[in-house]
N, C-alpha and C. Protein backbone atom coordinates (compact mmCIF):
# COMPACT_ATOMS: atom_id res chain seq x y z
N MET A 1 -30.80 48.23 51.97
CA MET A 1 -31.20 47.15 51.12
C MET A 1 -31.67 46.00 52.03
N THR A 2 -32.78 45.48 51.71
CA THR A 2 -33.35 44.41 52.53
C THR A 2 -32.87 43.07 52.04
N GLY A 3 -33.18 42.06 52.78
CA GLY A 3 -32.77 40.70 52.41
C GLY A 3 -33.44 40.22 51.14
N LEU A 4 -34.66 40.67 50.90
CA LEU A 4 -35.38 40.28 49.69
C LEU A 4 -34.73 40.84 48.44
N GLU A 5 -34.32 42.11 48.53
CA GLU A 5 -33.64 42.73 47.38
C GLU A 5 -32.32 42.04 47.09
N THR A 6 -31.60 41.70 48.15
CA THR A 6 -30.32 41.01 48.00
C THR A 6 -30.53 39.63 47.36
N ALA A 7 -31.56 38.95 47.77
CA ALA A 7 -31.86 37.64 47.21
C ALA A 7 -32.22 37.74 45.74
N ILE A 8 -32.99 38.77 45.36
CA ILE A 8 -33.36 38.97 43.96
C ILE A 8 -32.13 39.23 43.12
N ILE A 9 -31.23 40.06 43.64
CA ILE A 9 -29.98 40.36 42.91
C ILE A 9 -29.13 39.11 42.78
N LEU A 10 -29.05 38.31 43.87
CA LEU A 10 -28.27 37.08 43.84
C LEU A 10 -28.85 36.09 42.83
N VAL A 11 -30.18 35.95 42.79
CA VAL A 11 -30.82 35.05 41.82
C VAL A 11 -30.57 35.55 40.40
N ALA A 12 -30.61 36.85 40.18
CA ALA A 12 -30.33 37.41 38.85
C ALA A 12 -28.90 37.09 38.42
N PHE A 13 -27.94 37.20 39.33
CA PHE A 13 -26.55 36.86 39.01
C PHE A 13 -26.40 35.37 38.70
N VAL A 14 -27.07 34.53 39.46
CA VAL A 14 -26.98 33.08 39.23
C VAL A 14 -27.59 32.72 37.87
N ILE A 15 -28.75 33.30 37.54
CA ILE A 15 -29.38 33.03 36.25
C ILE A 15 -28.50 33.53 35.11
N SER A 16 -27.92 34.73 35.26
CA SER A 16 -27.02 35.28 34.22
C SER A 16 -25.79 34.39 34.06
N ALA A 17 -25.22 33.94 35.17
CA ALA A 17 -24.03 33.08 35.10
C ALA A 17 -24.38 31.74 34.45
N ALA A 18 -25.56 31.20 34.76
CA ALA A 18 -25.97 29.93 34.15
C ALA A 18 -26.16 30.08 32.65
N ALA A 19 -26.81 31.16 32.22
CA ALA A 19 -27.01 31.41 30.79
C ALA A 19 -25.67 31.60 30.09
N PHE A 20 -24.77 32.37 30.72
CA PHE A 20 -23.46 32.62 30.14
C PHE A 20 -22.67 31.30 30.03
N SER A 21 -22.69 30.47 31.07
CA SER A 21 -21.96 29.20 31.02
C SER A 21 -22.58 28.25 30.00
N PHE A 22 -23.91 28.30 29.83
CA PHE A 22 -24.56 27.48 28.81
C PHE A 22 -24.07 27.87 27.42
N ILE A 23 -23.96 29.16 27.18
CA ILE A 23 -23.46 29.65 25.88
C ILE A 23 -22.02 29.21 25.67
N ILE A 24 -21.19 29.35 26.69
CA ILE A 24 -19.78 28.96 26.59
C ILE A 24 -19.65 27.46 26.33
N LEU A 25 -20.41 26.66 27.06
CA LEU A 25 -20.36 25.20 26.85
C LEU A 25 -20.83 24.83 25.45
N ASN A 26 -21.90 25.44 24.97
CA ASN A 26 -22.39 25.16 23.61
C ASN A 26 -21.35 25.51 22.57
N MET A 27 -20.70 26.65 22.74
CA MET A 27 -19.66 27.04 21.77
C MET A 27 -18.49 26.06 21.82
N GLY A 28 -18.16 25.59 23.01
CA GLY A 28 -17.09 24.60 23.13
C GLY A 28 -17.43 23.31 22.44
N PHE A 29 -18.68 22.83 22.63
CA PHE A 29 -19.11 21.60 21.96
C PHE A 29 -19.14 21.79 20.45
N LEU A 30 -19.61 22.95 19.98
CA LEU A 30 -19.66 23.23 18.55
C LEU A 30 -18.25 23.24 17.96
N THR A 31 -17.32 23.87 18.68
CA THR A 31 -15.93 23.93 18.21
C THR A 31 -15.32 22.53 18.16
N ALA A 32 -15.58 21.72 19.17
CA ALA A 32 -15.05 20.35 19.18
C ALA A 32 -15.63 19.54 18.03
N GLN A 33 -16.92 19.72 17.75
CA GLN A 33 -17.56 18.99 16.65
C GLN A 33 -16.98 19.43 15.31
N LYS A 34 -16.77 20.73 15.14
CA LYS A 34 -16.18 21.24 13.88
C LYS A 34 -14.76 20.70 13.70
N SER A 35 -13.97 20.70 14.77
CA SER A 35 -12.60 20.21 14.65
C SER A 35 -12.59 18.72 14.34
N GLN A 36 -13.54 17.97 14.88
CA GLN A 36 -13.66 16.56 14.54
C GLN A 36 -13.96 16.35 13.06
N SER A 37 -14.87 17.15 12.52
CA SER A 37 -15.20 17.00 11.10
C SER A 37 -14.03 17.42 10.22
N VAL A 38 -13.26 18.43 10.63
CA VAL A 38 -12.08 18.84 9.86
C VAL A 38 -11.03 17.74 9.87
N ILE A 39 -10.81 17.14 11.02
CA ILE A 39 -9.84 16.05 11.12
C ILE A 39 -10.30 14.86 10.28
N SER A 40 -11.58 14.55 10.34
CA SER A 40 -12.12 13.43 9.58
C SER A 40 -11.97 13.64 8.08
N SER A 41 -12.32 14.83 7.61
CA SER A 41 -12.18 15.10 6.17
C SER A 41 -10.71 15.16 5.75
N GLY A 42 -9.84 15.64 6.63
CA GLY A 42 -8.41 15.64 6.34
C GLY A 42 -7.86 14.23 6.22
N MET A 43 -8.31 13.35 7.10
CA MET A 43 -7.87 11.96 7.03
C MET A 43 -8.39 11.29 5.76
N THR A 44 -9.61 11.64 5.35
CA THR A 44 -10.18 11.08 4.12
C THR A 44 -9.33 11.47 2.92
N GLU A 45 -8.90 12.72 2.87
CA GLU A 45 -8.10 13.18 1.73
C GLU A 45 -6.67 12.67 1.79
N ALA A 46 -6.15 12.43 2.98
CA ALA A 46 -4.75 12.04 3.11
C ALA A 46 -4.53 10.55 2.92
N THR A 47 -5.52 9.73 3.22
CA THR A 47 -5.33 8.30 3.10
C THR A 47 -5.65 7.84 1.68
N ALA A 48 -4.98 6.81 1.28
CA ALA A 48 -5.13 6.31 -0.09
C ALA A 48 -6.43 5.54 -0.25
N SER A 49 -7.18 5.89 -1.28
CA SER A 49 -8.40 5.15 -1.62
C SER A 49 -8.07 3.89 -2.40
N LEU A 50 -7.04 3.98 -3.22
CA LEU A 50 -6.66 2.87 -4.09
C LEU A 50 -5.27 2.37 -3.73
N GLN A 51 -5.03 1.12 -4.02
CA GLN A 51 -3.68 0.58 -3.84
C GLN A 51 -3.37 -0.38 -4.97
N ALA A 52 -2.08 -0.50 -5.25
CA ALA A 52 -1.63 -1.41 -6.31
C ALA A 52 -1.82 -2.84 -5.83
N ASP A 53 -2.21 -3.69 -6.74
CA ASP A 53 -2.45 -5.10 -6.43
C ASP A 53 -1.56 -5.95 -7.33
N GLY A 54 -0.27 -5.97 -7.02
CA GLY A 54 0.67 -6.74 -7.82
C GLY A 54 1.72 -5.84 -8.46
N ASP A 55 2.49 -6.42 -9.36
CA ASP A 55 3.58 -5.71 -10.02
C ASP A 55 3.10 -5.02 -11.29
N VAL A 56 3.97 -4.19 -11.85
CA VAL A 56 3.72 -3.55 -13.14
C VAL A 56 4.32 -4.46 -14.21
N ILE A 57 3.52 -4.80 -15.20
CA ILE A 57 3.99 -5.62 -16.32
C ILE A 57 4.19 -4.69 -17.51
N ALA A 58 5.41 -4.66 -18.03
CA ALA A 58 5.75 -3.76 -19.13
C ALA A 58 6.00 -4.55 -20.41
N MET A 59 5.51 -3.99 -21.53
CA MET A 59 5.73 -4.59 -22.84
C MET A 59 6.73 -3.71 -23.61
N PHE A 60 7.63 -4.36 -24.35
CA PHE A 60 8.71 -3.64 -25.03
C PHE A 60 8.78 -4.02 -26.50
N ASP A 61 9.28 -3.09 -27.29
CA ASP A 61 9.65 -3.33 -28.68
C ASP A 61 11.15 -3.62 -28.66
N LEU A 62 11.53 -4.85 -28.94
CA LEU A 62 12.94 -5.23 -28.84
C LEU A 62 13.82 -4.51 -29.85
N ALA A 63 13.27 -4.14 -31.00
CA ALA A 63 14.07 -3.45 -32.01
C ALA A 63 14.53 -2.08 -31.51
N SER A 64 13.62 -1.33 -30.88
CA SER A 64 13.98 0.00 -30.38
C SER A 64 14.37 0.00 -28.91
N GLY A 65 13.95 -1.04 -28.17
CA GLY A 65 14.22 -1.09 -26.73
C GLY A 65 13.26 -0.25 -25.91
N ASN A 66 12.23 0.29 -26.57
CA ASN A 66 11.28 1.18 -25.89
C ASN A 66 10.12 0.41 -25.29
N MET A 67 9.61 0.92 -24.18
CA MET A 67 8.42 0.36 -23.56
C MET A 67 7.21 0.84 -24.36
N THR A 68 6.40 -0.09 -24.84
CA THR A 68 5.24 0.27 -25.65
C THR A 68 3.93 0.16 -24.89
N GLY A 69 3.95 -0.48 -23.74
CA GLY A 69 2.73 -0.62 -22.95
C GLY A 69 3.05 -1.04 -21.53
N ALA A 70 2.06 -0.87 -20.67
CA ALA A 70 2.20 -1.28 -19.27
C ALA A 70 0.85 -1.70 -18.75
N GLU A 71 0.85 -2.66 -17.84
CA GLU A 71 -0.38 -3.14 -17.20
C GLU A 71 -0.12 -3.27 -15.70
N PHE A 72 -1.12 -2.94 -14.92
CA PHE A 72 -1.06 -3.19 -13.48
C PHE A 72 -2.49 -3.26 -12.96
N TYR A 73 -2.63 -3.81 -11.78
CA TYR A 73 -3.94 -3.99 -11.17
C TYR A 73 -4.06 -3.07 -9.96
N ILE A 74 -5.28 -2.59 -9.74
CA ILE A 74 -5.56 -1.75 -8.57
C ILE A 74 -6.78 -2.32 -7.84
N ARG A 75 -6.90 -1.95 -6.58
CA ARG A 75 -8.07 -2.34 -5.79
C ARG A 75 -8.31 -1.27 -4.74
N LEU A 76 -9.46 -1.33 -4.12
CA LEU A 76 -9.84 -0.37 -3.10
C LEU A 76 -9.15 -0.72 -1.79
N SER A 77 -8.68 0.30 -1.09
CA SER A 77 -8.06 0.09 0.22
C SER A 77 -9.11 -0.31 1.24
N GLN A 78 -8.66 -0.97 2.27
CA GLN A 78 -9.53 -1.46 3.33
C GLN A 78 -10.28 -0.31 4.00
N GLY A 79 -11.60 -0.44 4.14
CA GLY A 79 -12.40 0.53 4.86
C GLY A 79 -12.68 1.82 4.12
N ARG A 80 -12.43 1.87 2.85
CA ARG A 80 -12.61 3.10 2.06
C ARG A 80 -13.94 3.06 1.31
N GLU A 81 -14.42 4.23 0.96
CA GLU A 81 -15.64 4.35 0.15
C GLU A 81 -15.32 3.96 -1.29
N PRO A 82 -16.28 3.42 -2.03
CA PRO A 82 -16.04 3.07 -3.44
C PRO A 82 -15.59 4.27 -4.27
N VAL A 83 -14.77 4.00 -5.27
CA VAL A 83 -14.23 5.03 -6.15
C VAL A 83 -14.85 4.86 -7.53
N ASP A 84 -15.32 5.95 -8.10
CA ASP A 84 -15.91 5.92 -9.44
C ASP A 84 -14.79 5.84 -10.47
N SER A 85 -14.87 4.87 -11.37
CA SER A 85 -13.82 4.69 -12.38
C SER A 85 -14.13 5.42 -13.67
N SER A 86 -15.16 6.26 -13.69
CA SER A 86 -15.49 7.03 -14.89
C SER A 86 -14.33 7.95 -15.27
N ALA A 87 -14.25 8.29 -16.55
CA ALA A 87 -13.13 9.09 -17.05
C ALA A 87 -13.05 10.46 -16.39
N ASN A 88 -14.17 11.03 -15.98
CA ASN A 88 -14.11 12.35 -15.36
C ASN A 88 -13.90 12.27 -13.85
N LYS A 89 -13.89 11.07 -13.28
CA LYS A 89 -13.68 10.89 -11.84
C LYS A 89 -12.34 10.27 -11.51
N LEU A 90 -11.75 9.54 -12.42
CA LEU A 90 -10.47 8.86 -12.20
C LEU A 90 -9.52 9.27 -13.32
N ILE A 91 -8.48 9.98 -12.96
CA ILE A 91 -7.54 10.53 -13.94
C ILE A 91 -6.20 9.82 -13.78
N ILE A 92 -5.57 9.48 -14.91
CA ILE A 92 -4.27 8.83 -14.89
C ILE A 92 -3.26 9.75 -15.58
N THR A 93 -2.16 10.00 -14.89
CA THR A 93 -1.09 10.83 -15.45
C THR A 93 0.18 10.00 -15.59
N TYR A 94 1.06 10.48 -16.46
CA TYR A 94 2.30 9.77 -16.76
C TYR A 94 3.45 10.77 -16.74
N THR A 95 4.57 10.36 -16.16
CA THR A 95 5.75 11.22 -16.09
C THR A 95 6.98 10.38 -16.36
N ASN A 96 7.85 10.88 -17.23
CA ASN A 96 9.19 10.32 -17.39
C ASN A 96 10.15 11.50 -17.40
N PRO A 97 11.46 11.28 -17.51
CA PRO A 97 12.38 12.43 -17.45
C PRO A 97 12.19 13.48 -18.55
N LEU A 98 11.47 13.14 -19.62
CA LEU A 98 11.32 14.07 -20.74
C LEU A 98 9.94 14.69 -20.87
N ILE A 99 8.92 14.05 -20.32
CA ILE A 99 7.56 14.54 -20.53
C ILE A 99 6.69 14.18 -19.34
N SER A 100 5.65 14.98 -19.16
CA SER A 100 4.67 14.73 -18.12
C SER A 100 3.31 15.17 -18.64
N GLY A 101 2.27 14.37 -18.38
CA GLY A 101 0.96 14.78 -18.85
C GLY A 101 -0.13 13.79 -18.47
N VAL A 102 -1.35 14.17 -18.78
CA VAL A 102 -2.52 13.35 -18.51
C VAL A 102 -2.71 12.37 -19.67
N ILE A 103 -2.84 11.09 -19.35
CA ILE A 103 -3.06 10.10 -20.40
C ILE A 103 -4.47 9.52 -20.38
N LYS A 104 -5.21 9.74 -19.28
CA LYS A 104 -6.59 9.24 -19.22
C LYS A 104 -7.43 10.23 -18.42
N ASP A 105 -8.42 10.80 -19.09
CA ASP A 105 -9.43 11.63 -18.46
C ASP A 105 -10.64 11.64 -19.39
N GLU A 106 -11.51 12.62 -19.25
CA GLU A 106 -12.71 12.63 -20.10
C GLU A 106 -12.40 12.98 -21.55
N ILE A 107 -11.21 13.52 -21.83
CA ILE A 107 -10.83 13.89 -23.20
C ILE A 107 -9.83 12.89 -23.78
N ARG A 108 -8.79 12.56 -23.02
CA ARG A 108 -7.73 11.69 -23.49
C ARG A 108 -8.02 10.23 -23.12
N ASN A 109 -7.58 9.31 -23.97
CA ASN A 109 -7.86 7.91 -23.73
C ASN A 109 -6.64 7.05 -24.03
N GLY A 110 -5.54 7.32 -23.34
CA GLY A 110 -4.32 6.54 -23.54
C GLY A 110 -4.23 5.33 -22.63
N ALA A 111 -5.21 5.18 -21.74
CA ALA A 111 -5.23 4.04 -20.82
C ALA A 111 -6.65 3.50 -20.72
N ASN A 112 -6.76 2.22 -20.48
CA ASN A 112 -8.06 1.58 -20.28
C ASN A 112 -8.12 1.02 -18.88
N ILE A 113 -9.27 1.19 -18.25
CA ILE A 113 -9.51 0.64 -16.92
C ILE A 113 -10.65 -0.36 -17.05
N THR A 114 -10.36 -1.62 -16.82
CA THR A 114 -11.37 -2.66 -16.94
C THR A 114 -11.44 -3.48 -15.67
N GLN A 115 -12.61 -3.98 -15.41
CA GLN A 115 -12.82 -4.76 -14.20
C GLN A 115 -12.39 -6.21 -14.44
N ALA A 116 -11.50 -6.71 -13.59
CA ALA A 116 -11.06 -8.10 -13.68
C ALA A 116 -11.91 -9.00 -12.79
N VAL A 117 -12.21 -8.51 -11.58
CA VAL A 117 -13.06 -9.24 -10.64
C VAL A 117 -14.02 -8.24 -10.03
N GLY A 118 -15.33 -8.50 -10.13
CA GLY A 118 -16.29 -7.57 -9.54
C GLY A 118 -17.70 -7.78 -10.06
N ASP A 119 -18.51 -6.76 -9.84
CA ASP A 119 -19.94 -6.85 -10.16
C ASP A 119 -20.36 -6.07 -11.40
N ASN A 120 -19.40 -5.70 -12.24
CA ASN A 120 -19.65 -5.08 -13.55
C ASN A 120 -20.33 -3.72 -13.48
N ASP A 121 -20.10 -2.94 -12.44
CA ASP A 121 -20.53 -1.55 -12.45
C ASP A 121 -19.28 -0.67 -12.52
N ALA A 122 -19.47 0.64 -12.53
CA ALA A 122 -18.34 1.56 -12.71
C ALA A 122 -17.64 1.90 -11.40
N LEU A 123 -18.09 1.36 -10.28
CA LEU A 123 -17.49 1.66 -8.99
C LEU A 123 -16.42 0.64 -8.63
N ILE A 124 -15.27 1.13 -8.18
CA ILE A 124 -14.24 0.26 -7.64
C ILE A 124 -14.60 0.05 -6.18
N GLU A 125 -15.06 -1.15 -5.87
CA GLU A 125 -15.54 -1.46 -4.53
C GLU A 125 -14.62 -2.47 -3.86
N PHE A 126 -14.77 -2.61 -2.54
CA PHE A 126 -13.93 -3.53 -1.80
C PHE A 126 -14.13 -4.95 -2.32
N GLY A 127 -13.04 -5.66 -2.53
CA GLY A 127 -13.08 -7.02 -3.03
C GLY A 127 -12.96 -7.11 -4.54
N GLU A 128 -13.05 -5.97 -5.23
CA GLU A 128 -12.92 -5.98 -6.68
C GLU A 128 -11.47 -5.73 -7.09
N ARG A 129 -11.14 -6.18 -8.28
CA ARG A 129 -9.80 -5.99 -8.84
C ARG A 129 -9.96 -5.40 -10.23
N TRP A 130 -9.23 -4.31 -10.49
CA TRP A 130 -9.34 -3.60 -11.77
C TRP A 130 -7.99 -3.58 -12.46
N LYS A 131 -8.02 -3.78 -13.78
CA LYS A 131 -6.81 -3.79 -14.60
C LYS A 131 -6.66 -2.46 -15.32
N VAL A 132 -5.50 -1.86 -15.19
CA VAL A 132 -5.18 -0.62 -15.89
C VAL A 132 -4.17 -0.96 -16.97
N THR A 133 -4.52 -0.68 -18.23
CA THR A 133 -3.65 -0.95 -19.37
C THR A 133 -3.31 0.36 -20.06
N ILE A 134 -2.01 0.64 -20.20
CA ILE A 134 -1.55 1.86 -20.86
C ILE A 134 -0.90 1.49 -22.18
N ASP A 135 -1.33 2.14 -23.24
CA ASP A 135 -0.76 1.92 -24.58
C ASP A 135 0.04 3.17 -24.95
N PHE A 136 1.36 3.07 -24.88
CA PHE A 136 2.19 4.24 -25.15
C PHE A 136 2.20 4.63 -26.63
N ASP A 137 1.83 3.70 -27.51
CA ASP A 137 1.69 4.06 -28.92
C ASP A 137 0.53 5.04 -29.10
N ILE A 138 -0.55 4.84 -28.35
CA ILE A 138 -1.68 5.78 -28.39
C ILE A 138 -1.29 7.09 -27.70
N CYS A 139 -0.57 6.98 -26.57
CA CYS A 139 -0.17 8.19 -25.83
C CYS A 139 0.73 9.10 -26.66
N ALA A 140 1.54 8.49 -27.52
CA ALA A 140 2.44 9.28 -28.36
C ALA A 140 1.72 9.89 -29.55
N GLY A 141 0.49 9.51 -29.76
CA GLY A 141 -0.27 10.05 -30.88
C GLY A 141 -0.73 11.48 -30.63
N PRO A 142 -1.34 12.09 -31.62
CA PRO A 142 -1.73 13.50 -31.52
C PRO A 142 -2.88 13.76 -30.54
N THR A 143 -3.66 12.75 -30.17
CA THR A 143 -4.82 13.01 -29.32
C THR A 143 -4.51 12.96 -27.83
N VAL A 144 -3.38 12.40 -27.42
CA VAL A 144 -3.11 12.27 -25.99
C VAL A 144 -2.00 13.23 -25.58
N LEU A 145 -0.73 12.83 -25.68
CA LEU A 145 0.36 13.71 -25.24
C LEU A 145 1.06 14.43 -26.39
N ASN A 146 0.76 14.03 -27.62
CA ASN A 146 1.30 14.70 -28.80
C ASN A 146 2.82 14.82 -28.74
N SER A 147 3.47 13.75 -28.36
CA SER A 147 4.93 13.77 -28.25
C SER A 147 5.45 12.35 -28.44
N ASP A 148 6.66 12.24 -28.99
CA ASP A 148 7.29 10.93 -29.11
C ASP A 148 8.16 10.64 -27.90
N LYS A 149 8.17 11.54 -26.91
CA LYS A 149 9.02 11.38 -25.73
C LYS A 149 8.35 10.56 -24.63
N VAL A 150 7.23 9.92 -24.95
CA VAL A 150 6.56 9.09 -23.95
C VAL A 150 7.27 7.77 -23.75
N TYR A 151 8.05 7.35 -24.73
CA TYR A 151 8.69 6.04 -24.66
C TYR A 151 9.87 6.07 -23.70
N CYS A 152 9.98 5.01 -22.90
CA CYS A 152 11.11 4.83 -21.99
C CYS A 152 11.87 3.59 -22.42
N GLY A 153 13.15 3.59 -22.15
CA GLY A 153 13.99 2.43 -22.45
C GLY A 153 14.72 1.98 -21.20
N ALA A 154 15.72 1.16 -21.41
CA ALA A 154 16.50 0.62 -20.29
C ALA A 154 17.10 1.75 -19.45
N TYR A 155 17.03 1.56 -18.14
CA TYR A 155 17.57 2.47 -17.13
C TYR A 155 16.81 3.79 -17.01
N ASP A 156 15.67 3.90 -17.67
CA ASP A 156 14.81 5.08 -17.51
C ASP A 156 13.84 4.84 -16.36
N LYS A 157 13.48 5.92 -15.70
CA LYS A 157 12.49 5.84 -14.62
C LYS A 157 11.22 6.53 -15.09
N PHE A 158 10.09 5.93 -14.78
CA PHE A 158 8.81 6.55 -15.12
C PHE A 158 7.87 6.44 -13.93
N ARG A 159 6.82 7.26 -13.96
CA ARG A 159 5.82 7.24 -12.88
C ARG A 159 4.44 7.34 -13.50
N VAL A 160 3.54 6.53 -12.98
CA VAL A 160 2.13 6.59 -13.36
C VAL A 160 1.35 6.91 -12.09
N ASP A 161 0.52 7.95 -12.15
CA ASP A 161 -0.32 8.35 -11.01
C ASP A 161 -1.77 8.11 -11.35
N VAL A 162 -2.48 7.44 -10.46
CA VAL A 162 -3.92 7.24 -10.59
C VAL A 162 -4.56 8.16 -9.56
N ARG A 163 -5.33 9.15 -10.05
CA ARG A 163 -5.89 10.19 -9.19
C ARG A 163 -7.40 10.04 -9.07
N PRO A 164 -7.87 9.50 -7.93
CA PRO A 164 -9.33 9.43 -7.72
C PRO A 164 -9.87 10.80 -7.34
N SER A 165 -11.19 10.96 -7.42
CA SER A 165 -11.78 12.25 -7.09
C SER A 165 -11.69 12.54 -5.60
N GLN A 166 -11.52 11.51 -4.77
CA GLN A 166 -11.40 11.69 -3.34
C GLN A 166 -10.33 10.76 -2.81
N GLY A 167 -9.49 11.26 -1.93
CA GLY A 167 -8.39 10.46 -1.40
C GLY A 167 -7.09 10.82 -2.08
N SER A 168 -6.00 10.25 -1.58
CA SER A 168 -4.70 10.59 -2.13
C SER A 168 -4.41 9.82 -3.41
N VAL A 169 -3.36 10.22 -4.07
CA VAL A 169 -2.98 9.69 -5.37
C VAL A 169 -2.24 8.36 -5.19
N LEU A 170 -2.56 7.38 -6.03
CA LEU A 170 -1.80 6.14 -6.09
C LEU A 170 -0.68 6.38 -7.10
N SER A 171 0.56 6.34 -6.63
CA SER A 171 1.70 6.63 -7.48
C SER A 171 2.56 5.38 -7.62
N LEU A 172 2.83 5.00 -8.86
CA LEU A 172 3.68 3.86 -9.17
C LEU A 172 4.91 4.35 -9.91
N THR A 173 6.06 4.24 -9.28
CA THR A 173 7.33 4.66 -9.89
C THR A 173 8.17 3.42 -10.11
N ARG A 174 8.67 3.26 -11.32
CA ARG A 174 9.46 2.08 -11.66
C ARG A 174 10.69 2.50 -12.46
N LEU A 175 11.77 1.71 -12.29
CA LEU A 175 12.99 1.85 -13.06
C LEU A 175 13.07 0.66 -14.00
N ILE A 176 13.30 0.93 -15.28
CA ILE A 176 13.33 -0.14 -16.28
C ILE A 176 14.72 -0.76 -16.29
N PRO A 177 14.79 -2.08 -16.13
CA PRO A 177 16.09 -2.76 -16.19
C PRO A 177 16.53 -2.94 -17.64
N PRO A 178 17.67 -3.55 -17.87
CA PRO A 178 18.05 -3.86 -19.26
C PRO A 178 16.97 -4.71 -19.93
N VAL A 179 16.63 -4.36 -21.15
CA VAL A 179 15.53 -5.00 -21.86
C VAL A 179 16.07 -6.12 -22.73
N ASN A 180 15.62 -7.37 -22.45
CA ASN A 180 16.04 -8.51 -23.26
C ASN A 180 14.87 -9.40 -23.64
N THR A 181 13.66 -8.97 -23.32
CA THR A 181 12.47 -9.73 -23.66
C THR A 181 11.31 -8.76 -23.90
N GLU A 182 10.30 -9.23 -24.58
CA GLU A 182 9.16 -8.36 -24.91
C GLU A 182 8.29 -8.02 -23.71
N VAL A 183 8.31 -8.85 -22.67
CA VAL A 183 7.49 -8.62 -21.49
C VAL A 183 8.37 -8.73 -20.25
N LEU A 184 8.33 -7.69 -19.41
CA LEU A 184 9.11 -7.69 -18.17
C LEU A 184 8.19 -7.35 -17.00
N ILE A 185 8.47 -7.96 -15.86
CA ILE A 185 7.77 -7.61 -14.64
C ILE A 185 8.61 -6.59 -13.90
N LEU A 186 8.05 -5.40 -13.67
CA LEU A 186 8.76 -4.34 -12.97
C LEU A 186 8.28 -4.31 -11.53
N GLU A 187 9.12 -4.74 -10.61
CA GLU A 187 8.71 -4.81 -9.21
C GLU A 187 8.86 -3.47 -8.52
């Protein structure tokens, strides 16, 4: 074998090694990019899009001691994308020790979401404040939960979940103190 043949073989090995290392490096970069996008989308789903803005205000029927309504405010979390407040994009569920179910979606309308501060569109955007009002008299009717077990009284615990289409659920759990007035602030 002459020196020229050896040089040709050596150049062929160097070119093959360069091509192979280029492929390996590209696959490494592609894998790193995919893992970055997976982490980013996981963080988007795990972090809360919405947060409570104040206390829960509960209304009671003093004769029965039952909670007949609740109000609370929500707003967009810092650095989050706007959330659509349409009935098919924002779902509200209710749970107490006796019943659990959806009270607001595209079919059921046991809660109202209205803009308190904002630009009058359907998006919950940064700097806006939205009021959520739940009417348990409507929820107990045949069109929403079809049960009289929606009412809570003193020492009962209930939970309201606001579920946006993207991001984690805003969950508000409250314990009702002894009822002695028609309106109570539940901290």
